[in-house]
Structure formats: C-alpha cells, structure tokens
Protein backbone atom coordinates (compact mmCIF):
# COMPACT_ATOMS: atom_id res chain seq x y z
CA MET A 1 83.98 76.02 127.92
CA ASN A 2 87.12 75.52 129.26
CA THR A 3 87.09 72.22 128.60
CA ILE A 4 85.43 73.09 125.29
CA ARG A 5 88.39 75.13 124.06
CA SER A 6 91.06 72.56 125.31
CA THR A 7 89.46 70.19 123.55
CA GLY A 8 89.38 72.55 120.38
CA LEU A 9 92.95 73.55 120.94
CA ALA A 10 94.48 69.94 120.74
CA THR A 11 92.28 69.19 117.69
CA LEU A 12 94.19 71.88 116.02
CA LEU A 13 97.52 71.20 117.27
CA LEU A 14 96.81 67.23 116.16
CA LEU A 15 95.54 68.61 112.55
CA PHE A 16 98.88 70.95 112.46
CA MET A 17 100.93 67.84 113.19
CA ALA A 18 99.44 65.69 111.03
CA CYS A 19 99.67 68.31 108.22
CA LYS A 20 103.30 69.12 108.57
CA PRO A 21 105.61 68.08 105.64
CA LEU A 22 108.02 65.48 107.06
CA GLU A 23 111.78 66.21 107.20
CA ARG A 24 113.15 64.78 103.71
CA THR A 25 116.81 63.76 103.92
CA PRO A 26 118.68 62.50 100.38
CA GLN A 27 118.32 59.04 102.14
CA SER A 28 114.58 58.95 101.99
CA ASP A 29 113.90 61.10 98.95
CA PRO A 30 112.35 59.15 96.38
CA ASP A 31 113.57 61.30 94.10
CA LEU A 32 116.75 59.93 94.55
CA THR A 33 116.08 56.58 94.22
CA LEU A 34 118.54 55.18 91.36
CA SER A 35 116.96 53.83 88.89
CA ALA A 36 116.48 49.83 88.73
CA ASP A 37 116.56 49.37 84.48
CA PRO A 38 118.27 51.72 82.27
CA PHE A 39 116.31 54.18 81.02
CA PRO A 40 115.03 53.94 77.36
CA PHE A 41 117.35 56.83 75.91
CA GLY A 42 120.93 57.49 75.84
CA GLY A 43 123.45 54.78 74.91
CA ASP A 44 126.75 54.31 72.80
CA LEU A 45 128.67 57.51 71.34
CA THR A 46 131.73 58.39 69.46
CA LEU A 47 133.05 62.00 69.84
CA VAL A 48 136.43 63.61 69.68
CA ASP A 49 137.84 63.61 73.33
CA HIS A 50 140.21 66.72 74.43
CA ASP A 51 143.10 64.84 73.66
CA GLY A 52 142.05 64.73 69.75
CA ASN A 53 141.31 61.34 70.12
CA SER A 54 138.30 59.42 69.04
CA PHE A 55 136.58 58.48 72.31
CA HIS A 56 133.74 55.44 72.08
CA LEU A 57 131.83 55.70 75.14
CA ALA A 58 130.95 51.47 74.80
CA ASP A 59 134.89 50.78 75.40
CA GLN A 60 135.60 52.80 78.77
CA GLN A 61 132.99 49.90 80.95
CA ARG A 62 133.07 52.56 83.94
CA PRO A 63 130.45 55.18 85.14
CA PHE A 64 130.39 58.48 83.76
CA LEU A 65 128.68 61.44 84.45
CA LEU A 66 127.53 63.24 81.30
CA PHE A 67 126.36 66.92 80.47
CA PHE A 68 125.73 69.16 77.41
CA GLY A 69 127.42 71.97 77.38
CA TYR A 70 129.71 75.13 76.08
CA ALA A 71 133.43 76.47 76.97
CA SER A 72 131.62 80.14 76.59
CA CYS A 73 128.60 79.39 78.71
CA PRO A 74 128.73 81.97 81.03
CA ASP A 75 126.71 80.89 83.98
CA ALA A 76 125.07 77.56 83.94
CA CYS A 77 127.63 75.50 83.05
CA PRO A 78 130.05 76.86 85.65
CA GLN A 79 127.69 76.77 87.93
CA THR A 80 127.16 73.02 87.14
CA MET A 81 131.37 72.21 87.09
CA ALA A 82 131.45 73.79 90.05
CA ARG A 83 128.44 71.48 91.48
CA LEU A 84 130.38 68.65 90.48
CA ALA A 85 133.71 68.97 91.84
CA SER A 86 131.82 69.54 95.31
CA ALA A 87 130.40 66.16 94.54
CA TYR A 88 133.36 64.76 93.94
CA THR A 89 134.91 66.09 96.84
CA ILE A 90 131.86 64.51 98.81
CA LEU A 91 132.17 61.05 97.41
CA GLY A 92 135.95 60.87 97.94
CA GLU A 93 137.48 57.16 97.20
CA ASP A 94 133.98 56.21 96.10
CA ALA A 95 134.23 58.70 92.95
CA ARG A 96 138.14 57.13 91.72
CA ASP A 97 136.30 55.45 88.54
CA LEU A 98 133.69 58.15 87.79
CA ARG A 99 134.17 60.53 84.87
CA THR A 100 132.38 63.71 83.59
CA LEU A 101 131.98 63.97 79.96
CA PHE A 102 131.57 67.72 79.26
CA VAL A 103 130.07 67.31 75.27
CA SER A 104 130.34 70.36 73.79
CA VAL A 105 127.27 72.02 72.02
CA ASP A 106 129.49 74.23 69.88
CA PRO A 107 131.76 72.52 67.81
CA GLY A 108 132.36 75.92 66.26
CA ARG A 109 134.20 77.43 68.85
CA ASP A 110 135.28 74.23 71.15
CA SER A 111 138.35 72.47 69.38
CA PRO A 112 139.66 69.60 71.73
CA GLU A 113 142.39 72.23 72.86
CA MET A 114 140.09 75.21 73.65
CA LEU A 115 138.14 72.60 75.98
CA LYS A 116 141.05 71.50 77.32
CA SER A 117 141.98 74.73 78.88
CA TYR A 118 138.06 75.34 79.57
CA LEU A 119 137.79 71.91 81.83
CA SER A 120 141.48 72.44 83.23
CA HIS A 121 139.77 75.63 85.00
CA PHE A 122 137.62 72.79 87.59
CA ASP A 123 138.71 70.27 90.00
CA VAL A 124 136.44 67.47 88.20
CA PRO A 125 138.42 64.90 86.14
CA ALA A 126 136.67 65.44 82.96
CA ILE A 127 136.77 64.11 79.04
CA GLY A 128 135.96 67.43 76.49
CA LEU A 129 134.07 65.99 73.75
CA THR A 130 132.86 67.47 70.37
CA GLY A 131 132.99 66.32 66.86
CA ALA A 132 130.96 66.99 63.52
CA ARG A 133 127.79 68.96 64.25
CA ASP A 134 125.46 65.93 62.94
CA SER A 135 128.01 63.84 64.98
CA ILE A 136 127.04 66.00 68.29
CA ASP A 137 123.20 66.36 67.00
CA ALA A 138 122.75 62.67 67.22
CA VAL A 139 123.92 62.36 70.41
CA VAL A 140 121.64 65.26 71.89
CA LYS A 141 119.09 63.25 70.40
CA ARG A 142 120.02 59.97 71.77
CA TYR A 143 119.69 61.93 75.07
CA ALA A 144 116.26 63.28 74.92
CA ALA A 145 118.58 66.60 75.04
CA HIS A 146 117.79 70.15 73.06
CA TYR A 147 119.94 73.04 72.47
CA GLU A 148 119.40 75.97 70.28
CA VAL A 149 122.50 78.56 68.61
CA GLY A 150 120.73 82.55 70.09
CA GLU A 151 121.58 85.09 67.58
CA GLN A 152 124.78 86.67 66.94
CA GLY A 153 126.12 89.80 67.68
CA SER A 154 126.56 90.09 71.31
CA ALA A 155 129.81 90.73 72.80
CA ALA A 156 130.18 87.42 73.91
CA GLY A 157 129.33 86.25 69.94
CA TYR A 158 126.01 84.48 70.50
CA LEU A 159 125.35 82.55 73.25
CA ILE A 160 123.16 78.94 73.23
CA ASP A 161 120.54 77.66 75.51
CA HIS A 162 120.91 73.92 76.22
CA SER A 163 119.64 71.99 78.68
CA LEU A 164 120.49 71.24 81.92
CA TYR A 165 120.56 67.88 82.60
CA THR A 166 123.41 66.23 84.18
CA TYR A 167 123.12 62.33 83.27
CA LEU A 168 124.80 59.39 85.38
CA ILE A 169 125.43 56.78 82.87
CA ASP A 170 127.00 52.90 85.06
CA GLN A 171 129.90 50.65 83.67
CA ASN A 172 127.42 48.78 81.42
CA GLY A 173 126.57 52.24 79.37
CA ASP A 174 123.39 52.30 80.15
CA LEU A 175 121.92 55.87 81.43
CA ARG A 176 120.70 54.77 85.42
CA PHE A 177 119.73 58.61 86.74
CA PHE A 178 119.48 62.49 85.31
CA PHE A 179 120.27 65.18 87.83
CA ARG A 180 118.02 68.52 87.28
CA SER A 181 120.02 71.57 87.64
CA SER A 182 118.44 71.86 91.32
CA HIS A 183 120.28 68.67 92.75
CA THR A 184 122.55 69.62 94.65
CA ALA A 185 126.59 68.03 95.16
CA GLU A 186 125.17 66.16 98.60
CA GLU A 187 122.33 64.30 96.96
CA ILE A 188 124.29 63.64 93.51
CA ALA A 189 126.84 61.99 95.70
CA THR A 190 123.74 60.08 97.48
CA VAL A 191 122.29 58.69 94.12
CA VAL A 192 125.89 58.12 92.84
CA ARG A 193 126.85 55.82 95.69
CA GLN A 194 124.27 53.40 95.09
CA LEU A 195 125.70 52.45 91.44
CA SER A 196 128.40 50.09 94.13
CA LYS A 197 125.45 48.62 95.57
C-alpha cells in the first residue's frame, strides 16, 4: 500500500514538473526575435519636424522608434515615452544613433512648437512630426495604424483613440519589429540591440 502511495506521489510530482511552464527570459522569448525580413508595411514618410523643417525618413540612414500619439494625450502617450526613456537608459551607448519619431495624429492642436515643448519633458531623443491631415493619414495607413477623434465638449477639448504600437525601423528605413504597449523597457532594449548584430 505504501509502495502504491509512493509511486502515485512520484507520478504526480513528475506530471507537475512536466506541466510547469519554463521561465522565459528576454533572451529566450521567441516573441523578441528581430524579423529577418522587413515587414510588408511601413516605409518612407515626409512630414514637418518640431523645428518646422521638412523631415524625410529616407534621408536619415539611422534606426528609429516610431510612435503615433498627440501632446494632449492624458495617459498612453506619457506612459509610452516614460517606457522609452527607461529603454534608452538600459541601452546606454548602444542607443547613441537611435532616435524616436513621435508622429502626431492631432495636427489641429500639435504645432511644431507644441510638439517641441511637449517632448522636452521626456528624457528621450525624440523628433516630433506633424503636417497636413492627409499627409498624416497616409503615414498612419502605411504603418497599418489607426486613430479616431472623439467627441468634443470635455474639459480636455477632445480625446483621440489611437494605436499603441511602437515601431522599430532600421537604418535602411525598413520596419523590423513592432512593440505592443505590454512590452517592457528591458524587452525593447533586447530587440533594439539585435539591430547591431
């Protein structure tokens, strides 16, 4: 009887160990592997930067993180910028050529001056981009993103529902990865480092 009980307990222990999920680290997480080939969306863009100059992605020849947002965003945008600031800190010297593009989906309120002031509050080497509504819409479509302007009348004027992805673009202007809002600063740094390998 004791032998049967011991055998049963041993079997249960083996089953428990077999079913226990393996710990996943950023290094072993298959979701954090840089795409070998560029994604079929994304690509070039021409908008106005926060200094009022024309910005053409194809001329840059450096890696970028790209995020769609707006300066009056009460939560998601500041949270994303804070997470990117942490990722830059983790990357250290590995981020020396990396810049962040903050593409406004609110050109009616986000002038170049407004974007420059907004981005100065974050420890991120960011370039604010704005432009005519149709130019922004073309970029949003190219990156398979979305946004929707809410009803006006609140104290904030109006809110905008928008995509929360952050896109990683390599030095050739190709889209290589997109981060969800659930990705941590450590995970962002892990993927960005793969660009230089």
